[in-house]
Amino acid sequence: LTVIGIGGVLAINSNRGSATPIATASVTPIPATTIVALAATTPPTLTPSLTLTRTTAPSQTSQTATSTIAATQPATTTDVTPLSVEQMADTLEAADTLAAIANMTSTATLFTKTPTATRTLTPNLNASAVALMVTRATGTAAQFRVNQTATATRWTKTPTSTFTPSYTWTPTSTFTPSRTWTPTPTSTFTASYTWTPMPTSAPTYTPSVTPTTIVLPAGTKMTDAKGISMVWVPPGTFLMGSDKSKDKDAQDDETPQSSVKIENGFWIDLTEVTNEAYQKFIDANGYTLDEFWTDSSKDWKKSNSGPKTYIGSTDPKQPRVGITWYEAYAFCAWRGGRLPTEAEWEYAARGTNGRIYPWGNTFDGANVVYYNNSGRKSAPVGSKPGGKSWVGALDMSGNVWEWTSTIYDTKEFPYPFKADGRDNINGNRTRVLRGGSFSHFVSALRAARRDWGDPNFGEVDYLGVRCARS
């Protein structure tokens, strides 16, 4: 700290943060006369003032504070009392002391602060408007995100309108179908388009599984719903009729012999129908139910309540005899079957190799019930097993004659046999009989032998029936 002068300018230099010492100012001696004069006067009043100047160096910050104390000397007065040496000494000491105290006790109120520049703001309305819009948009987007994640309790559901039809449909009518609909065509519809078949390149459906056809062996047995045994006759081709060069007993109505094909296999009764089996038909009211009878037989049925009974032919296992063609047809229909055609019967009797008899080409009386061994009556069915045919059918030669469905008329339906309407079941036409009986001789026991009878003919004890079914 350096003090320069007294009564003039008092300078105080202070250097903070600087490593370089401040040069020491020179002190000019004050004359004694001046000191004496000052001592004789009233001590001056000191008014301190402070000026702060900041100087910034590249490597350091330096602040220099300069304090100037100006002493104002009052106007000269003429009434000056001389001081003693002690008083002057005390005065000088007091002046120094006052100066030192002034320097040491200066306060910030003595300093004049360099004012900081005041920033004056100029309003920018356009920028303010843009900033306001940006602020609002940002706030709206932020609130939208909040709304998206808000819980359901913060929302007020807006009810959806419910459509209520303003009318009620009432059907104009209700369709009630009648029990049986019978179409009554009012016009013929002719399509206006032409059907074009698919091109040949279109894929053809081929089933992945080929249906298996079951082929039953000839003579396979089965029992029908009425408890009657039947045997299977497979389809095939055979020689029907007789060749007079091979059979000396051949009749004219059996010729010429021809090849006939049986297209479909069928079942035929193992034996002739027995009294036991036929009685079931009677007990089932077969004679009162029209559904089993042909139209032409219903008039006959009105005056006939059952077959005739013959002495010696009533055993349950004997063939049912004394029945007409009408009754024979009705009985087979009741069983769910039919009468065999003449061709089917002969095919089942002689087979594909043209046998004269069911068992072969040579007659054997042990295989048949006929005139020479019958005692003039029928025998229980199946009593001559040696006479069975190629399919196992029994009694197809002898015992009793059997009705077929074929019309016998050599002029309208001559041989060779044809599917020409001769098996029509309607009408009162004469029908073919096959097989011979216990009352006939050898010539009538051949498989090709034909006989005939009116459909209402039956009052004999040697006429029975054998049924078939497809």
Protein backbone atom coordinates (compact mmCIF):
# COMPACT_ATOMS: atom_id res chain seq x y z
CA LEU A 1 0.00 0.00 0.00
CA THR A 2 1.48 3.33 -1.07
CA VAL A 3 0.22 6.72 0.14
CA ILE A 4 1.17 9.66 -2.03
CA GLY A 5 1.01 13.20 -0.71
CA ILE A 6 -0.97 14.78 2.04
CA GLY A 7 -3.30 17.72 1.44
CA GLY A 8 -3.20 17.02 -2.25
CA VAL A 9 -4.08 13.64 -3.90
CA LEU A 10 -3.96 10.43 -1.87
CA ALA A 11 -3.61 7.44 -4.23
CA ILE A 12 -4.10 3.80 -3.07
CA ASN A 13 -3.00 1.06 -5.43
CA SER A 14 -3.97 -2.56 -4.79
CA ASN A 15 -3.06 -5.45 -7.11
CA ARG A 16 -4.92 -8.82 -6.58
CA GLY A 17 -3.91 -12.11 -8.14
CA SER A 18 -0.87 -10.65 -9.84
CA ALA A 19 2.55 -12.14 -9.37
CA THR A 20 4.24 -8.90 -10.66
CA PRO A 21 4.89 -6.27 -7.94
CA ILE A 22 3.61 -2.74 -8.50
CA ALA A 23 6.32 -0.09 -8.82
CA THR A 24 6.77 2.05 -5.67
CA ALA A 25 5.73 5.66 -6.19
CA SER A 26 8.17 8.44 -5.20
CA VAL A 27 7.29 10.68 -2.25
CA THR A 28 7.81 14.39 -2.65
CA PRO A 29 8.78 16.10 0.59
CA ILE A 30 6.38 18.73 1.83
CA PRO A 31 7.95 22.01 2.99
CA ALA A 32 7.86 22.76 6.68
CA THR A 33 6.10 26.07 6.16
CA THR A 34 3.29 24.26 4.48
CA ILE A 35 3.09 21.76 7.26
CA VAL A 36 2.97 24.62 9.78
CA ALA A 37 0.25 26.33 7.83
CA LEU A 38 -1.78 23.19 7.61
CA ALA A 39 -1.42 22.58 11.25
CA ALA A 40 -2.70 26.02 12.01
CA THR A 41 -5.77 25.50 9.97
CA THR A 42 -8.86 23.42 10.62
CA PRO A 43 -8.44 19.92 9.52
CA PRO A 44 -9.90 19.39 6.14
CA THR A 45 -13.00 17.35 5.51
CA LEU A 46 -12.25 14.28 3.44
CA THR A 47 -14.78 13.06 0.88
CA PRO A 48 -13.70 9.73 -0.44
CA SER A 49 -14.62 8.53 -3.91
CA LEU A 50 -13.88 5.18 -5.55
CA THR A 51 -13.45 4.35 -9.18
CA LEU A 52 -13.15 0.63 -10.16
CA THR A 53 -11.56 -0.35 -13.42
CA ARG A 54 -11.36 -4.08 -14.58
CA THR A 55 -8.51 -5.05 -16.80
CA THR A 56 -8.49 -8.57 -18.38
CA ALA A 57 -5.21 -10.13 -19.37
CA PRO A 58 -4.90 -13.22 -21.63
CA SER A 59 -3.57 -15.48 -18.88
CA GLN A 60 -4.96 -13.93 -15.73
CA THR A 61 -7.53 -11.58 -14.31
CA SER A 62 -6.31 -8.38 -12.79
CA GLN A 63 -8.31 -5.86 -10.87
CA THR A 64 -6.88 -2.47 -9.96
CA ALA A 65 -8.70 -0.35 -7.49
CA THR A 66 -7.80 3.31 -7.29
CA SER A 67 -9.08 5.36 -4.45
CA THR A 68 -8.73 9.08 -4.60
CA ILE A 69 -9.34 11.14 -1.60
CA ALA A 70 -9.65 14.83 -2.28
CA ALA A 71 -9.18 17.18 0.53
CA THR A 72 -10.89 20.45 0.15
CA GLN A 73 -9.30 23.23 1.96
CA PRO A 74 -11.63 25.80 3.39
CA ALA A 75 -11.29 29.38 2.60
CA THR A 76 -8.38 31.20 4.23
CA THR A 77 -9.24 32.87 7.48
CA THR A 78 -7.32 35.68 9.01
CA ASP A 79 -7.96 34.58 12.56
CA VAL A 80 -5.20 31.99 12.81
CA THR A 81 -3.78 31.09 16.21
CA PRO A 82 -0.19 29.92 16.09
CA LEU A 83 0.43 26.37 17.27
CA SER A 84 3.13 25.07 19.42
CA VAL A 85 5.62 22.54 18.25
CA GLU A 86 3.87 19.84 20.27
CA GLN A 87 0.54 20.89 18.81
CA MET A 88 1.92 20.82 15.30
CA ALA A 89 3.41 17.45 15.87
CA ASP A 90 0.13 16.25 17.26
CA THR A 91 -1.62 17.80 14.27
CA LEU A 92 0.57 16.07 11.74
CA GLU A 93 0.16 12.79 13.58
CA ALA A 94 -3.57 13.34 13.66
CA ALA A 95 -3.65 14.05 9.94
CA ASP A 96 -1.75 10.92 9.15
CA THR A 97 -4.01 8.95 11.40
CA LEU A 98 -7.12 10.34 9.80
CA ALA A 99 -5.83 9.58 6.34
CA ALA A 100 -4.96 6.03 7.33
CA ILE A 101 -8.32 5.51 8.99
CA ALA A 102 -10.10 6.91 5.94
CA ASN A 103 -8.30 4.48 3.72
CA MET A 104 -8.86 1.53 6.02
CA THR A 105 -12.51 2.13 6.79
CA SER A 106 -13.84 3.01 3.32
CA THR A 107 -17.13 1.19 2.56
CA ALA A 108 -18.72 0.09 -0.65
CA THR A 109 -21.01 3.10 -0.52
CA LEU A 110 -18.01 5.17 -1.33
CA PHE A 111 -17.57 3.39 -4.67
CA THR A 112 -19.35 4.22 -7.89
CA LYS A 113 -20.40 0.94 -9.62
CA THR A 114 -19.93 0.87 -13.30
CA PRO A 115 -23.50 0.14 -14.53
CA THR A 116 -24.13 -2.98 -16.53
CA ALA A 117 -25.69 -2.44 -19.90
CA THR A 118 -29.49 -2.69 -19.78
CA ARG A 119 -31.07 -4.95 -22.47
CA THR A 120 -34.07 -3.42 -24.12
CA LEU A 121 -36.52 -6.00 -25.66
CA THR A 122 -38.32 -5.21 -28.87
CA PRO A 123 -41.55 -7.27 -29.32
CA ASN A 124 -41.82 -9.51 -32.47
CA LEU A 125 -45.53 -10.19 -33.04
CA ASN A 126 -45.14 -12.68 -35.90
CA ALA A 127 -42.60 -14.78 -34.02
CA SER A 128 -44.80 -14.64 -30.92
CA ALA A 129 -47.85 -15.85 -32.87
CA VAL A 130 -45.89 -18.71 -34.45
CA ALA A 131 -44.49 -19.69 -31.06
CA LEU A 132 -48.00 -19.65 -29.58
CA MET A 133 -49.35 -21.90 -32.33
CA VAL A 134 -46.42 -24.31 -31.96
CA THR A 135 -46.99 -24.41 -28.21
CA ARG A 136 -50.69 -25.17 -28.65
CA ALA A 137 -50.05 -27.84 -31.30
CA THR A 138 -47.44 -29.48 -29.11
CA GLY A 139 -49.81 -29.43 -26.16
CA THR A 140 -52.66 -30.86 -28.26
CA ALA A 141 -50.49 -33.74 -29.56
CA ALA A 142 -49.32 -34.49 -26.03
CA GLN A 143 -52.91 -34.54 -24.77
CA PHE A 144 -53.95 -36.80 -27.68
CA ARG A 145 -51.30 -39.33 -26.67
CA VAL A 146 -52.56 -39.16 -23.12
CA ASN A 147 -56.12 -39.73 -24.33
CA GLN A 148 -55.05 -42.77 -26.36
CA THR A 149 -53.68 -44.49 -23.28
CA ALA A 150 -56.37 -43.29 -20.89
CA THR A 151 -58.43 -45.87 -19.04
CA ALA A 152 -62.00 -46.64 -20.03
CA THR A 153 -63.37 -44.94 -16.91
CA ARG A 154 -62.32 -41.56 -18.27
CA TRP A 155 -64.43 -41.90 -21.37
CA THR A 156 -68.06 -41.20 -21.86
CA LYS A 157 -69.51 -43.78 -24.24
CA THR A 158 -71.50 -42.36 -27.08
CA PRO A 159 -74.48 -44.67 -27.60
CA THR A 160 -74.75 -46.29 -31.02
CA SER A 161 -78.05 -45.90 -32.66
CA THR A 162 -80.15 -49.07 -32.83
CA PHE A 163 -82.06 -49.75 -36.00
CA THR A 164 -85.69 -50.47 -35.31
CA PRO A 165 -87.62 -51.58 -38.39
CA SER A 166 -90.66 -49.53 -38.98
CA TYR A 167 -92.68 -52.41 -40.32
CA THR A 168 -93.47 -56.04 -39.50
CA TRP A 169 -93.49 -58.61 -42.30
CA THR A 170 -96.61 -60.68 -42.35
CA PRO A 171 -96.66 -63.67 -44.71
CA THR A 172 -99.49 -63.47 -47.14
CA SER A 173 -100.13 -67.20 -47.12
CA THR A 174 -98.92 -70.48 -45.66
CA PHE A 175 -98.18 -73.35 -47.99
CA THR A 176 -99.58 -76.63 -46.72
CA PRO A 177 -98.65 -79.53 -49.01
CA SER A 178 -101.29 -82.11 -49.65
CA ARG A 179 -100.55 -85.72 -48.74
CA THR A 180 -99.86 -86.76 -52.31
CA TRP A 181 -98.68 -84.23 -54.84
CA THR A 182 -99.86 -84.91 -58.35
CA PRO A 183 -98.23 -82.60 -60.88
CA THR A 184 -100.54 -81.19 -63.52
CA PRO A 185 -98.40 -79.96 -66.36
CA THR A 186 -99.76 -76.80 -67.95
CA SER A 187 -97.11 -76.41 -70.57
CA THR A 188 -93.95 -77.95 -71.89
CA PHE A 189 -90.80 -76.04 -71.11
CA THR A 190 -88.29 -75.87 -73.90
CA ALA A 191 -84.84 -74.76 -72.81
CA SER A 192 -83.43 -71.85 -74.78
CA TYR A 193 -79.86 -72.95 -74.43
CA THR A 194 -77.86 -75.67 -76.08
CA TRP A 195 -75.91 -78.00 -73.86
CA THR A 196 -72.30 -78.28 -74.83
CA PRO A 197 -70.51 -81.39 -73.58
CA MET A 198 -67.23 -81.01 -71.79
CA PRO A 199 -64.11 -81.44 -73.93
CA THR A 200 -62.60 -84.89 -74.03
CA SER A 201 -59.54 -83.56 -72.24
CA ALA A 202 -61.55 -83.03 -69.06
CA PRO A 203 -60.45 -85.34 -66.26
CA THR A 204 -62.51 -88.48 -65.80
CA TYR A 205 -63.29 -89.57 -62.28
CA THR A 206 -62.15 -93.08 -61.55
CA PRO A 207 -63.21 -94.54 -58.23
CA SER A 208 -60.29 -95.55 -56.10
CA VAL A 209 -62.10 -98.64 -54.90
CA THR A 210 -63.47 -101.11 -57.41
CA PRO A 211 -66.71 -102.68 -56.18
CA THR A 212 -66.26 -106.33 -55.47
CA THR A 213 -68.82 -108.66 -57.04
CA ILE A 214 -69.53 -111.66 -54.88
CA VAL A 215 -69.87 -114.80 -57.00
CA LEU A 216 -71.83 -117.52 -55.23
CA PRO A 217 -71.03 -121.11 -56.12
CA ALA A 218 -73.81 -123.13 -57.72
CA GLY A 219 -75.93 -124.89 -55.10
CA THR A 220 -75.24 -122.39 -52.27
CA LYS A 221 -78.06 -122.83 -49.77
CA MET A 222 -80.08 -120.26 -47.88
CA THR A 223 -83.32 -120.19 -45.85
CA ASP A 224 -85.85 -117.49 -46.63
CA ALA A 225 -87.96 -115.48 -44.18
CA LYS A 226 -90.67 -118.18 -44.15
CA GLY A 227 -88.22 -120.92 -43.18
CA ILE A 228 -88.00 -122.57 -46.60
CA SER A 229 -84.62 -123.74 -47.99
CA MET A 230 -83.45 -122.52 -51.41
CA VAL A 231 -80.36 -123.10 -53.58
CA TRP A 232 -78.42 -120.68 -55.79
CA VAL A 233 -78.45 -121.04 -59.58
CA PRO A 234 -75.69 -118.88 -61.15
CA PRO A 235 -76.13 -117.23 -64.56
CA GLY A 236 -75.05 -119.19 -67.60
CA THR A 237 -75.88 -120.62 -71.02
CA PHE A 238 -77.40 -124.06 -71.62
CA LEU A 239 -79.08 -126.19 -74.30
CA MET A 240 -82.85 -125.94 -73.95
CA GLY A 241 -85.21 -128.42 -75.58
CA SER A 242 -84.48 -131.82 -77.08
CA ASP A 243 -82.46 -133.23 -79.96
CA LYS A 244 -84.34 -136.23 -81.39
CA SER A 245 -81.09 -137.73 -82.63
CA LYS A 246 -79.92 -138.04 -79.02
CA ASP A 247 -83.20 -138.52 -77.16
CA LYS A 248 -85.66 -141.10 -78.57
CA ASP A 249 -88.44 -139.81 -76.28
CA ALA A 250 -88.16 -136.20 -77.46
CA GLN A 251 -91.50 -134.49 -78.24
CA ASP A 252 -92.28 -132.07 -81.01
CA ASP A 253 -93.04 -129.18 -78.62
CA GLU A 254 -89.50 -129.58 -77.19
CA THR A 255 -87.79 -128.96 -80.50
CA PRO A 256 -85.71 -127.55 -81.91
CA GLN A 257 -83.04 -127.54 -79.24
CA SER A 258 -81.33 -124.16 -78.86
CA SER A 259 -78.82 -122.31 -76.75
CA VAL A 260 -80.44 -120.05 -74.15
CA LYS A 261 -78.59 -117.62 -71.91
CA ILE A 262 -79.71 -116.98 -68.34
CA GLU A 263 -78.54 -113.43 -67.75
CA ASN A 264 -79.04 -113.29 -64.00
CA GLY A 265 -78.59 -115.81 -61.25
CA PHE A 266 -81.55 -116.72 -59.07
CA TRP A 267 -82.65 -118.80 -56.11
CA ILE A 268 -84.93 -121.82 -56.44
CA ASP A 269 -86.53 -124.00 -53.75
CA LEU A 270 -84.51 -126.99 -52.67
CA THR A 271 -87.63 -129.18 -52.86
CA GLU A 272 -91.26 -128.90 -53.83
CA VAL A 273 -93.40 -126.85 -51.44
CA THR A 274 -94.63 -129.07 -48.59
CA ASN A 275 -97.98 -129.20 -46.80
CA GLU A 276 -96.24 -127.79 -43.76
CA ALA A 277 -94.92 -124.74 -45.59
CA TYR A 278 -98.17 -124.07 -47.45
CA GLN A 279 -100.19 -124.18 -44.26
CA LYS A 280 -98.34 -121.09 -43.03
CA PHE A 281 -99.73 -119.21 -46.01
CA ILE A 282 -103.26 -120.32 -45.16
CA ASP A 283 -102.82 -119.39 -41.48
CA ALA A 284 -101.52 -115.95 -42.49
CA ASN A 285 -104.88 -115.27 -44.24
CA GLY A 286 -103.21 -115.55 -47.61
CA TYR A 287 -106.51 -116.34 -49.24
CA THR A 288 -108.11 -113.11 -48.01
CA LEU A 289 -105.30 -110.67 -48.89
CA ASP A 290 -105.62 -109.37 -52.45
CA GLU A 291 -102.05 -108.03 -52.57
CA PHE A 292 -100.61 -111.48 -53.41
CA TRP A 293 -103.06 -112.37 -56.18
CA THR A 294 -103.17 -111.40 -59.85
CA ASP A 295 -106.11 -109.41 -61.15
CA SER A 296 -107.40 -112.38 -63.12
CA SER A 297 -107.29 -114.69 -60.06
CA LYS A 298 -109.35 -112.50 -57.70
CA ASP A 299 -112.65 -113.65 -59.17
CA TRP A 300 -111.58 -117.27 -58.72
CA LYS A 301 -110.60 -116.59 -55.10
CA LYS A 302 -114.07 -115.29 -54.23
CA SER A 303 -115.51 -118.80 -54.60
CA ASN A 304 -112.51 -120.72 -53.22
CA SER A 305 -111.27 -120.52 -49.64
CA GLY A 306 -108.38 -123.00 -49.89
CA PRO A 307 -106.84 -125.97 -51.70
CA LYS A 308 -108.46 -129.37 -51.95
CA THR A 309 -107.27 -132.13 -49.63
CA TYR A 310 -106.52 -135.60 -50.95
CA ILE A 311 -106.30 -138.86 -49.07
CA GLY A 312 -102.75 -140.08 -48.93
CA SER A 313 -101.26 -136.60 -49.52
CA THR A 314 -101.65 -134.94 -46.11
CA ASP A 315 -98.27 -135.67 -44.52
CA PRO A 316 -96.53 -132.40 -43.56
CA LYS A 317 -93.43 -133.41 -45.54
CA GLN A 318 -95.33 -134.40 -48.67
CA PRO A 319 -95.69 -131.93 -51.53
CA ARG A 320 -98.72 -129.64 -51.39
CA VAL A 321 -100.97 -130.88 -54.21
CA GLY A 322 -104.35 -129.93 -55.64
CA ILE A 323 -103.43 -126.25 -56.12
CA THR A 324 -104.14 -124.11 -59.14
CA TRP A 325 -101.78 -121.75 -60.95
CA TYR A 326 -103.50 -118.85 -59.17
CA GLU A 327 -102.77 -120.33 -55.75
CA ALA A 328 -99.21 -121.23 -56.70
CA TYR A 329 -98.52 -117.65 -57.80
CA ALA A 330 -100.08 -116.13 -54.64
CA PHE A 331 -98.09 -118.42 -52.34
CA CYS A 332 -94.73 -117.49 -53.97
CA ALA A 333 -95.63 -113.76 -53.81
CA TRP A 334 -96.44 -114.10 -50.09
CA ARG A 335 -92.92 -115.43 -49.57
CA GLY A 336 -91.43 -112.49 -51.45
CA GLY A 337 -90.66 -114.65 -54.47
CA ARG A 338 -92.22 -115.65 -57.77
CA LEU A 339 -92.83 -118.62 -60.03
CA PRO A 340 -89.77 -119.68 -62.09
CA THR A 341 -89.89 -119.27 -65.85
CA GLU A 342 -89.84 -122.39 -67.97
CA ALA A 343 -86.26 -121.64 -69.04
CA GLU A 344 -85.08 -121.11 -65.43
CA TRP A 345 -86.68 -124.36 -64.30
CA GLU A 346 -85.04 -126.44 -67.10
CA TYR A 347 -81.65 -124.74 -66.55
CA ALA A 348 -81.77 -125.60 -62.81
CA ALA A 349 -82.73 -129.21 -63.68
CA ARG A 350 -80.21 -130.16 -66.39
CA GLY A 351 -77.37 -127.62 -66.25
CA THR A 352 -75.04 -126.46 -69.00
CA ASN A 353 -74.14 -129.86 -70.50
CA GLY A 354 -77.63 -130.77 -71.78
CA ARG A 355 -78.42 -133.71 -69.49
CA ILE A 356 -81.56 -135.67 -70.31
CA TYR A 357 -82.27 -136.30 -66.60
CA PRO A 358 -81.21 -134.18 -63.66
CA TRP A 359 -78.52 -136.71 -62.67
CA GLY A 360 -77.36 -137.64 -66.23
CA ASN A 361 -78.35 -139.11 -69.57
CA THR A 362 -79.28 -142.60 -68.36
CA PHE A 363 -82.50 -143.33 -66.51
CA ASP A 364 -82.19 -144.75 -62.99
CA GLY A 365 -85.45 -145.59 -61.16
CA ALA A 366 -83.67 -145.36 -57.81
CA ASN A 367 -83.30 -141.62 -58.31
CA VAL A 368 -86.97 -140.80 -58.92
CA VAL A 369 -90.51 -141.30 -57.54
CA TYR A 370 -92.60 -142.44 -60.54
CA TYR A 371 -95.32 -144.86 -61.61
CA ASN A 372 -93.33 -148.04 -60.98
CA ASN A 373 -92.27 -147.32 -57.37
CA SER A 374 -94.66 -144.70 -55.93
CA GLY A 375 -97.62 -146.82 -54.81
CA ARG A 376 -99.76 -144.28 -56.59
CA LYS A 377 -99.03 -141.42 -54.22
CA SER A 378 -96.43 -138.78 -53.63
CA ALA A 379 -93.49 -139.34 -51.34
CA PRO A 380 -92.03 -136.97 -48.74
CA VAL A 381 -89.84 -134.40 -50.46
CA GLY A 382 -86.14 -135.22 -50.80
CA SER A 383 -86.67 -138.95 -50.45
CA LYS A 384 -84.54 -139.64 -53.56
CA PRO A 385 -81.28 -137.72 -52.98
CA GLY A 386 -79.58 -139.56 -55.85
CA GLY A 387 -81.82 -137.68 -58.25
CA LYS A 388 -80.53 -134.21 -57.31
CA SER A 389 -79.62 -131.77 -60.06
CA TRP A 390 -76.29 -130.01 -60.66
CA VAL A 391 -77.25 -127.26 -58.16
CA GLY A 392 -78.49 -129.76 -55.54
CA ALA A 393 -82.22 -129.26 -56.19
CA LEU A 394 -84.23 -132.42 -55.30
CA ASP A 395 -87.28 -134.07 -56.93
CA MET A 396 -87.01 -132.13 -60.19
CA SER A 397 -87.85 -135.41 -61.86
CA GLY A 398 -90.96 -137.28 -60.63
CA ASN A 399 -93.07 -137.05 -57.45
CA VAL A 400 -95.38 -134.11 -58.61
CA TRP A 401 -95.65 -131.74 -61.55
CA GLU A 402 -94.69 -128.09 -60.90
CA TRP A 403 -96.19 -124.84 -62.18
CA THR A 404 -94.06 -122.25 -64.08
CA SER A 405 -94.88 -118.67 -65.10
CA THR A 406 -94.58 -119.35 -68.86
CA ILE A 407 -97.57 -119.40 -71.21
CA TYR A 408 -97.99 -122.61 -73.17
CA ASP A 409 -98.93 -121.84 -76.78
CA THR A 410 -97.01 -123.65 -79.52
CA LYS A 411 -98.38 -121.36 -82.22
CA GLU A 412 -97.84 -118.01 -80.55
CA PHE A 413 -94.76 -118.98 -78.58
CA PRO A 414 -93.04 -121.89 -80.35
CA TYR A 415 -89.53 -123.11 -79.81
CA PRO A 416 -86.79 -122.01 -79.86
CA PHE A 417 -87.37 -120.23 -76.59
CA LYS A 418 -87.28 -116.45 -76.66
CA ALA A 419 -87.95 -113.60 -74.25
CA ASP A 420 -90.98 -112.54 -76.29
CA GLY A 421 -93.68 -112.02 -73.69
CA ARG A 422 -94.44 -115.65 -72.99
CA ASP A 423 -93.79 -115.09 -69.29
CA ASN A 424 -96.49 -112.45 -68.88
CA ILE A 425 -98.33 -113.33 -65.66
CA ASN A 426 -101.57 -111.54 -66.48
CA GLY A 427 -104.58 -113.18 -68.11
CA ASN A 428 -106.13 -116.64 -68.01
CA ARG A 429 -103.64 -118.28 -70.32
CA THR A 430 -102.61 -121.95 -70.21
CA ARG A 431 -99.32 -122.36 -68.33
CA VAL A 432 -96.41 -124.77 -68.66
CA LEU A 433 -95.97 -127.69 -66.22
CA ARG A 434 -92.55 -129.30 -65.61
CA GLY A 435 -91.01 -132.39 -63.90
CA GLY A 436 -93.41 -135.35 -64.25
CA SER A 437 -95.06 -137.10 -61.31
CA PHE A 438 -95.47 -140.28 -59.32
CA SER A 439 -98.25 -141.41 -61.70
CA HIS A 440 -96.25 -141.09 -64.93
CA PHE A 441 -93.86 -143.27 -66.90
CA VAL A 442 -90.22 -142.72 -67.86
CA SER A 443 -90.80 -140.56 -70.92
CA ALA A 444 -92.48 -137.90 -68.76
CA LEU A 445 -89.54 -137.76 -66.30
CA ARG A 446 -87.01 -136.09 -68.63
CA ALA A 447 -85.79 -132.59 -67.85
CA ALA A 448 -86.98 -131.23 -71.22
CA ARG A 449 -90.50 -132.68 -70.99
CA ARG A 450 -93.34 -130.12 -71.17
CA ASP A 451 -96.96 -130.35 -70.08
CA TRP A 452 -99.67 -127.74 -69.60
CA GLY A 453 -102.75 -126.83 -67.63
CA ASP A 454 -105.35 -124.09 -67.34
CA PRO A 455 -104.64 -121.67 -64.48
CA ASN A 456 -107.78 -122.76 -62.61
CA PHE A 457 -106.91 -126.40 -63.08
CA GLY A 458 -105.74 -128.06 -59.89
CA GLU A 459 -108.17 -130.64 -58.68
CA VAL A 460 -105.62 -133.44 -59.00
CA ASP A 461 -103.26 -135.01 -56.49
CA TYR A 462 -100.12 -134.84 -58.64
CA LEU A 463 -99.81 -131.09 -59.22
CA GLY A 464 -97.68 -128.91 -56.91
CA VAL A 465 -95.31 -125.90 -56.96
CA ARG A 466 -91.67 -124.81 -56.52
CA CYS A 467 -90.85 -121.10 -56.06
CA ALA A 468 -87.96 -118.93 -57.25
CA ARG A 469 -86.64 -115.46 -56.39
CA SER A 470 -84.12 -113.11 -57.94
